[in-house]
Amino acid sequence: QVQLVESGGDLVQPGGSLRLSCVASGRSFRFNPVAWYRQASGKERELVASITGGATTYYLGSVKDRFTISRDNAKNTVYLQMNSVKPEDTAVYYCNVIGTSLWGQGTQVTVSS
């Protein structure tokens, strides 16, 4: 069974850091682009960052220079390093293999003092 599992979400203070992980199981996705999305309460899901198989990255403007997406193909894992987090980063974060219907269950990130 192919699945994605996110982890690493937590309650963090403004200005703090978190690292989210998205682990794929069941097959390798080393050549597939993978994205992190987020959905805040009452808002639409938005694309936060993506990374291609060749490690080309894209970032939403509001997270650029604060978040870093990376991948470890040996571990079939994509990461989202979140630094200098802000309250507006509060959301459920999901990973997705781009071009497929494969999504994880989400991990909650709450930024609050």
Protein backbone atom coordinates (compact mmCIF):
# COMPACT_ATOMS: atom_id res chain seq x y z
CA GLN A 1 0.00 0.00 0.00
CA VAL A 2 1.41 3.36 -1.04
CA GLN A 3 1.06 6.09 1.53
CA LEU A 4 2.49 9.36 2.81
CA VAL A 5 2.85 10.11 6.50
CA GLU A 6 3.60 13.59 7.83
CA SER A 7 5.04 14.32 11.25
CA GLY A 8 6.77 17.06 13.20
CA GLY A 9 3.87 19.43 13.78
CA ASP A 10 3.72 21.04 17.21
CA LEU A 11 2.92 24.14 19.23
CA VAL A 12 5.78 26.62 18.81
CA GLN A 13 6.33 30.20 19.86
CA PRO A 14 6.64 32.98 17.29
CA GLY A 15 10.20 33.16 16.03
CA GLY A 16 10.79 29.49 16.72
CA SER A 17 11.58 26.60 14.40
CA LEU A 18 10.08 23.28 13.39
CA ARG A 19 10.99 20.56 10.93
CA LEU A 20 8.20 18.65 9.24
CA SER A 21 8.79 15.27 7.65
CA CYS A 22 6.87 13.48 4.93
CA VAL A 23 7.76 9.81 4.63
CA ALA A 24 6.60 7.80 1.63
CA SER A 25 6.17 4.07 1.83
CA GLY A 26 5.22 1.42 -0.67
CA ARG A 27 7.29 2.75 -3.56
CA SER A 28 10.07 5.20 -4.33
CA PHE A 29 9.21 8.77 -5.28
CA ARG A 30 12.77 9.88 -5.89
CA PHE A 31 11.95 11.13 -9.39
CA ASN A 32 8.61 12.72 -8.49
CA PRO A 33 8.03 16.33 -7.51
CA VAL A 34 6.61 16.66 -3.99
CA ALA A 35 4.82 19.60 -2.43
CA TRP A 36 3.91 20.86 1.01
CA TYR A 37 0.51 22.52 1.33
CA ARG A 38 -1.20 24.05 4.32
CA GLN A 39 -4.75 24.78 5.27
CA ALA A 40 -5.64 27.20 8.02
CA SER A 41 -9.01 27.06 9.70
CA GLY A 42 -11.66 28.58 7.47
CA LYS A 43 -9.26 29.08 4.55
CA GLU A 44 -8.46 27.26 1.34
CA ARG A 45 -5.52 24.94 1.07
CA GLU A 46 -2.46 26.72 -0.35
CA LEU A 47 0.83 25.56 -1.83
CA VAL A 48 3.70 26.38 0.51
CA ALA A 49 6.71 24.82 -1.20
CA SER A 50 7.64 22.18 -3.73
CA ILE A 51 10.71 20.28 -4.83
CA THR A 52 11.35 18.39 -8.05
CA GLY A 53 13.23 15.14 -8.43
CA GLY A 54 16.19 17.26 -9.45
CA ALA A 55 15.85 19.38 -6.28
CA THR A 56 14.55 22.53 -7.96
CA THR A 57 12.45 24.35 -5.38
CA TYR A 58 9.53 26.75 -5.29
CA TYR A 59 8.27 28.78 -2.32
CA LEU A 60 5.17 30.76 -1.52
CA GLY A 61 6.22 34.39 -1.23
CA SER A 62 5.28 34.73 2.43
CA VAL A 63 7.54 31.83 3.48
CA LYS A 64 10.50 32.45 1.22
CA ASP A 65 13.72 32.98 3.19
CA ARG A 66 12.08 31.38 6.25
CA PHE A 67 11.17 27.86 5.08
CA THR A 68 13.38 25.34 3.31
CA ILE A 69 12.15 22.25 1.50
CA SER A 70 14.56 19.38 0.97
CA ARG A 71 14.53 15.68 0.24
CA ASP A 72 16.47 12.58 1.23
CA ASN A 73 15.83 10.05 -1.50
CA ALA A 74 17.59 7.29 0.42
CA LYS A 75 14.95 7.68 3.12
CA ASN A 76 12.09 8.44 0.71
CA THR A 77 11.47 11.54 2.81
CA VAL A 78 10.78 15.20 2.09
CA TYR A 79 11.34 17.80 4.79
CA LEU A 80 10.07 21.29 5.44
CA GLN A 81 12.34 23.28 7.74
CA MET A 82 10.36 26.16 9.19
CA ASN A 83 12.31 29.01 10.79
CA SER A 84 11.19 32.35 12.20
CA VAL A 85 7.61 31.09 12.30
CA LYS A 86 4.73 33.51 12.63
CA PRO A 87 1.18 33.12 13.96
CA GLU A 88 -0.06 33.23 10.37
CA ASP A 89 1.86 30.01 9.70
CA THR A 90 -0.65 28.18 11.92
CA ALA A 91 -2.33 25.48 9.82
CA VAL A 92 -2.52 21.80 9.08
CA TYR A 93 0.38 20.95 6.78
CA TYR A 94 0.03 18.25 4.12
CA CYS A 95 2.43 16.70 1.67
CA ASN A 96 1.45 15.60 -1.81
CA VAL A 97 3.17 13.81 -4.65
CA ILE A 98 2.48 16.31 -7.41
CA GLY A 99 0.34 14.98 -10.21
CA THR A 100 -1.16 12.22 -8.08
CA SER A 101 -4.00 11.90 -5.61
CA LEU A 102 -1.55 10.76 -2.97
CA TRP A 103 -1.81 12.92 0.16
CA GLY A 104 -0.79 12.47 3.76
CA GLN A 105 -3.13 12.85 6.71
CA GLY A 106 -1.66 16.20 7.75
CA THR A 107 0.24 17.50 10.76
CA GLN A 108 -0.88 20.45 12.89
CA VAL A 109 1.41 23.44 13.31
CA THR A 110 0.33 26.05 15.83
CA VAL A 111 2.33 29.22 16.33
CA SER A 112 1.37 31.00 19.50
CA SER A 113 2.87 32.54 22.59
